[in-house]
Amino acid sequence: MGWGSGSRLAMRLIKAAKETISNEEERVNFYDEMIDAFEDADCDTLDECLGDDPVFDKHWETRYPDDWSEE
């Protein structure tokens, strides 16, 4: 799998999490594990998922404050 499709897969997971996990803290925990798993597999395109869920965006900003830019 190329990582262009990896970010599309992450977008699907974010959408599913947003629709099924109403507790924001639990969603952050899920996103933290998801980001770690994708990065362990050398995926560096998850910034393409910004804008799909405000909870993901806020968590991303917390993890990577130097890379944050609102689009």
N, C-alpha and C. Protein backbone atom coordinates (compact mmCIF):
# COMPACT_ATOMS: atom_id res chain seq x y z
N MET A 1 0.86 -1.18 0.00
CA MET A 1 0.00 0.00 0.00
C MET A 1 0.89 1.22 0.00
N GLY A 2 0.66 2.13 -0.92
CA GLY A 2 1.35 3.41 -0.90
C GLY A 2 0.72 4.30 0.16
N TRP A 3 1.49 5.27 0.67
CA TRP A 3 0.94 6.06 1.76
C TRP A 3 -0.06 7.11 1.32
N GLY A 4 -0.22 7.33 0.03
CA GLY A 4 -1.36 8.14 -0.41
C GLY A 4 -2.65 7.44 -0.01
N SER A 5 -2.67 6.12 -0.20
CA SER A 5 -3.86 5.36 0.22
C SER A 5 -3.89 5.22 1.74
N GLY A 6 -2.75 5.33 2.41
CA GLY A 6 -2.70 5.28 3.87
C GLY A 6 -3.46 6.43 4.49
N SER A 7 -3.27 7.63 3.96
CA SER A 7 -4.01 8.77 4.51
C SER A 7 -5.50 8.66 4.21
N ARG A 8 -5.85 8.07 3.06
CA ARG A 8 -7.27 7.83 2.78
C ARG A 8 -7.85 6.82 3.77
N LEU A 9 -7.08 5.79 4.11
CA LEU A 9 -7.52 4.83 5.12
C LEU A 9 -7.68 5.52 6.47
N ALA A 10 -6.74 6.37 6.84
CA ALA A 10 -6.84 7.11 8.10
C ALA A 10 -8.09 7.99 8.11
N MET A 11 -8.40 8.62 6.99
CA MET A 11 -9.60 9.45 6.91
C MET A 11 -10.85 8.62 7.17
N ARG A 12 -10.87 7.40 6.66
CA ARG A 12 -12.02 6.52 6.91
C ARG A 12 -12.11 6.15 8.39
N LEU A 13 -10.97 5.90 9.02
CA LEU A 13 -10.97 5.58 10.45
C LEU A 13 -11.41 6.78 11.28
N ILE A 14 -10.96 7.96 10.90
CA ILE A 14 -11.36 9.18 11.62
C ILE A 14 -12.87 9.38 11.48
N LYS A 15 -13.40 9.19 10.29
CA LYS A 15 -14.84 9.34 10.09
C LYS A 15 -15.60 8.33 10.95
N ALA A 16 -15.14 7.09 10.96
CA ALA A 16 -15.80 6.06 11.77
C ALA A 16 -15.72 6.39 13.25
N ALA A 17 -14.57 6.85 13.71
CA ALA A 17 -14.41 7.21 15.12
C ALA A 17 -15.33 8.37 15.48
N LYS A 18 -15.38 9.36 14.61
CA LYS A 18 -16.22 10.54 14.86
C LYS A 18 -17.70 10.14 14.96
N GLU A 19 -18.11 9.18 14.14
CA GLU A 19 -19.51 8.76 14.12
C GLU A 19 -19.86 7.80 15.25
N THR A 20 -18.88 7.10 15.83
CA THR A 20 -19.20 6.06 16.81
C THR A 20 -18.67 6.31 18.21
N ILE A 21 -17.68 7.17 18.37
CA ILE A 21 -17.12 7.44 19.70
C ILE A 21 -17.49 8.87 20.08
N SER A 22 -18.52 9.00 20.89
CA SER A 22 -19.00 10.34 21.23
C SER A 22 -18.14 11.00 22.31
N ASN A 23 -17.49 10.22 23.15
CA ASN A 23 -16.65 10.76 24.20
C ASN A 23 -15.33 11.24 23.58
N GLU A 24 -15.07 12.55 23.69
CA GLU A 24 -13.90 13.13 23.03
C GLU A 24 -12.59 12.60 23.60
N GLU A 25 -12.53 12.35 24.90
CA GLU A 25 -11.30 11.81 25.49
C GLU A 25 -10.99 10.42 24.94
N GLU A 26 -12.03 9.60 24.78
CA GLU A 26 -11.83 8.28 24.21
C GLU A 26 -11.40 8.38 22.75
N ARG A 27 -11.95 9.36 22.03
CA ARG A 27 -11.57 9.55 20.63
C ARG A 27 -10.11 9.98 20.54
N VAL A 28 -9.68 10.85 21.44
CA VAL A 28 -8.27 11.26 21.47
C VAL A 28 -7.38 10.04 21.72
N ASN A 29 -7.79 9.19 22.65
CA ASN A 29 -7.01 7.98 22.92
C ASN A 29 -6.92 7.10 21.68
N PHE A 30 -8.04 6.97 20.96
CA PHE A 30 -8.03 6.20 19.72
C PHE A 30 -7.09 6.84 18.70
N TYR A 31 -7.21 8.16 18.53
CA TYR A 31 -6.36 8.85 17.55
C TYR A 31 -4.88 8.72 17.91
N ASP A 32 -4.57 8.77 19.19
CA ASP A 32 -3.18 8.63 19.62
C ASP A 32 -2.63 7.27 19.19
N GLU A 33 -3.40 6.22 19.44
CA GLU A 33 -2.98 4.87 19.04
C GLU A 33 -2.92 4.75 17.52
N MET A 34 -3.90 5.34 16.83
CA MET A 34 -3.93 5.27 15.37
C MET A 34 -2.72 5.97 14.78
N ILE A 35 -2.41 7.16 15.26
CA ILE A 35 -1.25 7.90 14.75
C ILE A 35 0.03 7.10 14.98
N ASP A 36 0.18 6.56 16.19
CA ASP A 36 1.38 5.75 16.48
C ASP A 36 1.50 4.58 15.52
N ALA A 37 0.39 3.88 15.27
CA ALA A 37 0.42 2.71 14.39
C ALA A 37 0.79 3.11 12.96
N PHE A 38 0.21 4.20 12.47
CA PHE A 38 0.54 4.63 11.11
C PHE A 38 1.99 5.09 11.02
N GLU A 39 2.46 5.82 12.03
CA GLU A 39 3.84 6.27 12.01
C GLU A 39 4.82 5.11 12.15
N ASP A 40 4.46 4.08 12.93
CA ASP A 40 5.30 2.89 13.03
C ASP A 40 5.45 2.20 11.68
N ALA A 41 4.46 2.39 10.81
CA ALA A 41 4.49 1.82 9.46
C ALA A 41 5.00 2.84 8.44
N ASP A 42 5.69 3.87 8.94
CA ASP A 42 6.33 4.90 8.11
C ASP A 42 5.36 5.78 7.34
N CYS A 43 4.15 5.93 7.82
CA CYS A 43 3.21 6.86 7.20
C CYS A 43 3.45 8.25 7.76
N ASP A 44 3.73 9.20 6.89
CA ASP A 44 3.96 10.57 7.33
C ASP A 44 3.02 11.56 6.64
N THR A 45 1.85 11.06 6.26
CA THR A 45 0.90 11.91 5.52
C THR A 45 -0.39 12.16 6.29
N LEU A 46 -0.40 11.90 7.59
CA LEU A 46 -1.65 12.06 8.34
C LEU A 46 -2.08 13.52 8.47
N ASP A 47 -1.19 14.45 8.19
CA ASP A 47 -1.59 15.85 8.19
C ASP A 47 -2.65 16.11 7.12
N GLU A 48 -2.74 15.22 6.14
CA GLU A 48 -3.77 15.34 5.11
C GLU A 48 -5.17 15.10 5.68
N CYS A 49 -5.23 14.57 6.90
CA CYS A 49 -6.52 14.28 7.54
C CYS A 49 -7.05 15.47 8.35
N LEU A 50 -6.26 16.51 8.47
CA LEU A 50 -6.71 17.68 9.21
C LEU A 50 -7.96 18.25 8.56
N GLY A 51 -8.92 18.59 9.39
CA GLY A 51 -10.18 19.12 8.90
C GLY A 51 -11.30 18.09 8.90
N ASP A 52 -10.95 16.81 9.12
CA ASP A 52 -11.98 15.76 9.14
C ASP A 52 -12.71 15.67 10.47
N ASP A 53 -12.03 16.04 11.56
CA ASP A 53 -12.63 16.00 12.89
C ASP A 53 -11.90 17.01 13.76
N PRO A 54 -12.61 17.97 14.34
CA PRO A 54 -11.95 18.96 15.20
C PRO A 54 -11.18 18.32 16.37
N VAL A 55 -11.64 17.17 16.85
CA VAL A 55 -10.93 16.48 17.93
C VAL A 55 -9.58 15.97 17.43
N PHE A 56 -9.55 15.40 16.23
CA PHE A 56 -8.29 14.96 15.63
C PHE A 56 -7.37 16.16 15.43
N ASP A 57 -7.92 17.25 14.90
CA ASP A 57 -7.11 18.45 14.64
C ASP A 57 -6.47 18.97 15.92
N LYS A 58 -7.24 19.05 16.99
CA LYS A 58 -6.71 19.56 18.26
C LYS A 58 -5.64 18.62 18.80
N HIS A 59 -5.86 17.32 18.68
CA HIS A 59 -4.86 16.36 19.15
C HIS A 59 -3.58 16.47 18.31
N TRP A 60 -3.75 16.62 17.01
CA TRP A 60 -2.58 16.77 16.13
C TRP A 60 -1.78 18.01 16.53
N GLU A 61 -2.48 19.11 16.80
CA GLU A 61 -1.81 20.35 17.21
C GLU A 61 -1.05 20.14 18.52
N THR A 62 -1.63 19.36 19.43
CA THR A 62 -0.96 19.07 20.70
C THR A 62 0.29 18.23 20.48
N ARG A 63 0.20 17.24 19.62
CA ARG A 63 1.34 16.35 19.35
C ARG A 63 2.43 17.05 18.55
N TYR A 64 2.04 17.87 17.61
CA TYR A 64 2.99 18.48 16.68
C TYR A 64 2.78 19.98 16.59
N PRO A 65 3.03 20.71 17.66
CA PRO A 65 2.75 22.15 17.65
C PRO A 65 3.56 22.93 16.62
N ASP A 66 4.76 22.45 16.30
CA ASP A 66 5.59 23.15 15.31
C ASP A 66 5.12 22.94 13.88
N ASP A 67 4.32 21.89 13.66
CA ASP A 67 3.84 21.60 12.32
C ASP A 67 2.43 22.08 12.06
N TRP A 68 1.81 22.69 13.06
CA TRP A 68 0.41 23.06 12.98
C TRP A 68 0.21 24.25 12.06
N SER A 69 -0.76 24.12 11.18
CA SER A 69 -1.22 25.27 10.39
C SER A 69 -2.67 25.02 10.06
N GLU A 70 -3.52 25.98 10.40
CA GLU A 70 -4.93 25.85 10.06
C GLU A 70 -5.10 26.12 8.58
N GLU A 71 -5.84 25.25 7.92
CA GLU A 71 -6.07 25.43 6.49
C GLU A 71 -7.51 25.72 6.23
